[in-house]
Protein backbone atom coordinates (compact mmCIF):
# COMPACT_ATOMS: atom_id res chain seq x y z
CA MET A 1 0.00 0.01 0.00
CA THR A 2 1.42 3.37 -0.97
CA LYS A 3 1.54 6.18 1.63
CA SER A 4 1.06 9.58 0.01
CA ARG A 5 1.99 12.75 1.87
CA ASN A 6 2.33 14.82 -1.29
CA PRO A 7 -0.22 13.73 -3.93
CA ALA A 8 0.80 16.61 -6.15
CA THR A 9 3.99 14.61 -7.09
CA LEU A 10 2.20 11.34 -7.88
CA PRO A 11 2.54 9.89 -11.43
CA ILE A 12 -0.47 10.61 -13.55
CA PRO A 13 -1.00 10.88 -17.27
CA ASP A 14 0.46 14.10 -18.70
CA THR A 15 -2.48 14.51 -21.10
CA PRO A 16 -6.16 15.26 -20.35
CA LEU A 17 -8.48 12.33 -19.90
CA PRO A 18 -9.40 11.07 -23.39
CA ASP A 19 -13.14 11.07 -22.89
CA PRO A 20 -14.40 13.15 -19.94
CA PHE A 21 -17.95 11.81 -20.41
CA GLY A 22 -17.13 8.16 -21.05
CA ASP A 23 -14.11 7.20 -18.96
CA THR A 24 -12.68 5.12 -21.82
CA GLY A 25 -9.44 4.80 -23.71
CA PRO A 26 -5.76 4.43 -22.64
CA ALA A 27 -6.31 6.23 -19.34
CA ALA A 28 -8.96 3.72 -18.36
CA ASP A 29 -6.66 0.73 -19.14
CA TRP A 30 -3.90 2.43 -17.13
CA ALA A 31 -6.30 2.98 -14.22
CA ARG A 32 -7.03 -0.69 -13.66
CA THR A 33 -3.37 -1.37 -12.78
CA ARG A 34 -2.96 1.35 -10.10
CA PRO A 35 -2.39 0.40 -6.43
CA PRO A 36 -4.39 1.94 -3.51
CA VAL A 37 -3.14 5.23 -2.03
CA THR A 38 -3.43 6.29 1.61
CA VAL A 39 -3.89 9.98 2.15
CA ASP A 40 -3.26 11.71 5.49
CA LEU A 41 -5.22 14.97 5.58
CA ASP A 42 -3.49 16.21 8.78
CA ASP A 43 -6.89 17.21 10.18
CA GLY A 44 -6.82 15.13 13.31
CA GLY A 45 -8.72 12.23 11.70
CA ALA A 46 -7.57 8.88 10.53
CA PRO A 47 -5.88 8.56 7.11
CA ILE A 48 -8.13 7.45 4.25
CA THR A 49 -7.17 4.79 1.76
CA LEU A 50 -8.38 5.45 -1.74
CA ALA A 51 -8.94 2.03 -3.27
CA THR A 52 -8.44 0.92 -6.82
CA PRO A 53 -11.82 0.71 -8.57
CA ALA A 54 -13.08 -2.83 -8.85
CA TYR A 55 -13.23 -4.30 -12.33
CA THR A 56 -16.75 -4.25 -13.73
CA PHE A 57 -18.25 -5.17 -17.07
CA GLY A 58 -19.09 -2.31 -19.32
CA ARG A 59 -17.34 0.98 -19.66
CA PRO A 60 -14.22 1.15 -17.46
CA THR A 61 -13.36 4.19 -15.36
CA ALA A 62 -10.41 6.50 -15.72
CA TYR A 63 -10.45 7.10 -11.94
CA THR A 64 -7.26 6.10 -10.14
CA PRO A 65 -6.24 6.43 -6.45
CA GLU A 66 -3.39 8.69 -7.55
CA ILE A 67 -5.64 11.13 -9.38
CA GLY A 68 -8.13 10.94 -6.48
CA ALA A 69 -5.39 11.81 -4.02
CA ARG A 70 -4.21 14.73 -6.08
CA ILE A 71 -7.76 16.12 -6.30
CA VAL A 72 -8.09 15.73 -2.52
CA GLU A 73 -4.83 17.66 -1.98
CA GLN A 74 -6.03 20.48 -4.18
CA PHE A 75 -9.14 20.87 -2.06
CA ARG A 76 -7.06 20.72 1.12
CA LEU A 77 -5.06 23.65 -0.23
CA GLY A 78 -8.24 25.72 -0.49
CA LEU A 79 -8.93 25.47 -4.21
CA THR A 80 -12.54 25.52 -5.41
CA GLN A 81 -14.18 22.78 -7.48
CA PRO A 82 -13.96 24.78 -10.77
CA GLU A 83 -10.26 25.49 -10.07
CA VAL A 84 -9.61 21.81 -9.47
CA THR A 85 -11.49 20.42 -12.43
CA GLY A 86 -9.99 23.16 -14.66
CA HIS A 87 -6.60 21.35 -14.60
CA ALA A 88 -5.67 19.44 -17.72
CA TRP A 89 -5.01 16.25 -15.68
CA ALA A 90 -8.35 16.42 -13.83
CA PRO A 91 -11.78 15.15 -14.87
CA ASP A 92 -14.41 17.61 -15.95
CA GLN A 93 -17.19 18.64 -13.61
CA SER A 94 -19.71 15.95 -14.54
CA THR A 95 -17.08 13.20 -14.23
CA PHE A 96 -15.92 14.56 -10.89
CA TYR A 97 -19.44 14.33 -9.46
CA ARG A 98 -19.89 10.88 -10.91
CA TRP A 99 -16.73 9.77 -9.14
CA MET A 100 -18.04 11.34 -5.91
CA ASP A 101 -21.19 9.18 -6.21
CA ALA A 102 -19.31 6.03 -7.23
CA TYR A 103 -16.40 5.97 -4.70
CA PRO A 104 -17.32 6.47 -1.01
CA ASP A 105 -13.67 6.67 0.08
CA PHE A 106 -12.98 9.43 -2.44
CA ARG A 107 -16.17 11.26 -1.38
CA GLU A 108 -15.20 11.16 2.27
CA ALA A 109 -11.65 12.35 1.52
CA VAL A 110 -12.94 15.25 -0.59
CA SER A 111 -15.42 16.24 2.17
CA ARG A 112 -12.70 16.31 4.83
CA ALA A 113 -10.26 18.07 2.52
CA ARG A 114 -12.78 20.81 1.83
CA ALA A 115 -13.27 21.30 5.61
CA ALA A 116 -9.47 21.46 6.07
CA GLY A 117 -9.15 23.95 3.20
CA ALA A 118 -11.83 26.25 4.57
CA ALA A 119 -9.29 28.15 6.65
CA VAL A 120 -7.04 28.59 3.56
CA MET A 121 -10.04 29.80 1.58
CA ALA A 122 -10.84 32.34 4.32
CA ASP A 123 -7.23 33.47 4.33
CA ARG A 124 -7.41 34.04 0.58
CA ALA A 125 -10.49 36.20 1.13
CA VAL A 126 -8.66 38.38 3.63
CA GLU A 127 -5.67 38.60 1.33
CA ILE A 128 -7.90 39.81 -1.50
CA ALA A 129 -9.42 42.40 0.82
CA ASP A 130 -6.01 43.59 2.08
CA THR A 131 -4.39 43.84 -1.36
CA ALA A 132 -7.28 45.22 -3.38
CA ASP A 133 -6.34 48.57 -4.86
CA GLU A 134 -9.45 49.13 -7.00
CA THR A 135 -10.60 52.71 -7.18
CA THR A 136 -13.69 52.38 -9.33
CA LYS A 137 -17.09 51.33 -8.02
CA ALA A 138 -17.07 48.31 -10.31
CA GLY A 139 -13.63 47.26 -9.14
CA ILE A 140 -14.56 47.61 -5.46
CA ALA A 141 -17.75 45.65 -6.01
CA ARG A 142 -15.77 42.94 -7.80
CA ALA A 143 -13.22 42.66 -5.00
CA ARG A 144 -15.97 42.54 -2.38
CA LEU A 145 -17.77 39.82 -4.32
CA ARG A 146 -14.59 37.73 -4.45
CA VAL A 147 -14.15 38.11 -0.71
CA ASP A 148 -17.79 37.32 0.03
CA ALA A 149 -17.77 34.29 -2.24
CA ARG A 150 -14.74 32.74 -0.57
CA PHE A 151 -16.10 33.42 2.96
CA ARG A 152 -19.37 31.78 1.98
CA MET A 153 -17.63 28.79 0.46
CA ALA A 154 -15.53 28.44 3.60
CA ALA A 155 -18.71 28.58 5.72
CA ILE A 156 -20.23 25.70 3.71
CA TYR A 157 -17.38 23.42 4.61
CA ASP A 158 -16.54 24.65 8.13
CA ARG A 159 -19.01 26.16 10.60
CA ARG A 160 -16.23 28.34 12.04
CA PHE A 161 -16.75 30.58 9.06
CA SER A 162 -20.54 30.63 9.08
CA ASP A 163 -22.38 33.92 8.58
CA ARG A 164 -23.31 34.18 12.27
CA GLN A 165 -20.45 33.97 14.68
CA VAL A 166 -20.42 35.85 17.98
CA ILE A 167 -17.14 36.65 19.77
CA THR A 168 -17.57 37.33 23.54
CA HIS A 169 -15.08 38.56 26.12
CA GLU A 170 -16.51 37.69 29.52
CA HIS A 171 -14.62 40.45 31.32
CA LEU A 172 -15.79 43.31 29.08
CA ASP A 173 -18.94 45.21 29.77
CA HIS A 174 -20.78 42.21 31.19
CA GLY A 175 -20.01 39.96 28.23
CA GLN A 176 -19.79 42.45 25.43
CA SER A 177 -20.12 40.59 22.12
CA LEU A 178 -19.16 41.14 18.55
CA ASP A 179 -21.79 40.02 16.01
CA MET A 180 -20.11 39.16 12.67
CA ALA A 181 -23.37 38.82 10.79
CA GLY A 182 -23.72 41.33 7.96
CA GLN A 183 -20.58 43.28 8.76
CA ASP A 184 -18.10 44.45 6.15
CA ILE A 185 -14.40 43.99 6.78
CA ALA A 186 -13.64 47.55 7.80
CA THR A 187 -16.46 47.65 10.34
CA LEU A 188 -15.48 44.25 11.70
CA ALA A 189 -11.86 45.29 12.01
CA ALA A 190 -12.81 48.43 13.88
CA GLN A 191 -15.01 46.53 16.32
CA LEU A 192 -12.27 43.98 16.88
CA GLY A 193 -9.84 46.80 17.55
CA LYS A 194 -12.10 48.22 20.23
CA LEU A 195 -12.49 44.81 21.93
CA LEU A 196 -8.75 44.22 21.88
CA ALA A 197 -8.06 47.69 23.30
CA LYS A 198 -10.47 47.01 26.19
CA ALA A 199 -8.98 43.56 26.66
CA GLN A 200 -5.58 45.11 27.17
CA ALA A 201 -7.00 47.23 30.00
CA VAL A 202 -7.64 44.17 32.11
CA ASP A 203 -5.00 43.25 34.65
CA VAL A 204 -3.48 39.84 35.28
CA ASP A 205 -6.13 39.07 37.86
CA SER A 206 -8.86 39.69 35.28
CA LYS A 207 -10.19 42.62 37.26
CA PRO A 208 -11.59 45.49 35.19
CA VAL A 209 -9.43 48.58 35.10
CA ASP A 210 -10.89 52.06 35.14
CA GLN A 211 -10.90 53.07 31.47
CA GLY A 212 -10.25 56.68 32.49
CA GLN A 213 -6.85 55.68 33.70
CA VAL A 214 -5.85 54.01 30.48
CA SER A 215 -4.22 56.42 27.98
CA ASP A 216 -4.77 56.06 24.27
CA LYS A 217 -1.25 55.80 22.89
CA THR A 218 -2.48 56.42 19.34
CA LYS A 219 -3.50 60.00 20.30
CA GLU A 220 -0.24 60.98 22.06
């Protein structure tokens, strides 16, 4: 059994699959000879073994454990389904979903990889927001749409990034909370800044400090 820590380096055909709708041809013949691959997602769960498809009568499949592992790794790195299936070595969208239905081990690995990649996807959204230099209304709207799309995709795969998250500091104003629902990035950053400023005004014994005695260094 092959242990794969870096599916991106696994041997796969250099050319696109010959028939994305039929799973036939040289790639299908090659697929029947491939050994299982064990993928460790580094998400705290057990590794998953992607098995070689069983031989069946009729049209053979071009799915292999190596290709499955490489797809899983792409999702773990935070790529979206269109980005993954857009590679020349990958199946098209309809074949990908057919593989998801046909191979439970592949389906479980993709599901866990998407959850693991949610944090990466959220980081990409923040990076887009931080580096956007658009000055036109259309450009700003486009950047915001890209950010929102990635946060929403991350929320689908991991509840940590869902639309309604509340951050509470028990020692601030009787449990002052920050509601992330419907907030844009600038507003959210400002609210986080206020909470952090107040958090720094709590001593080591977690006793509230008189805010009038705390100077604002940014104004000095």
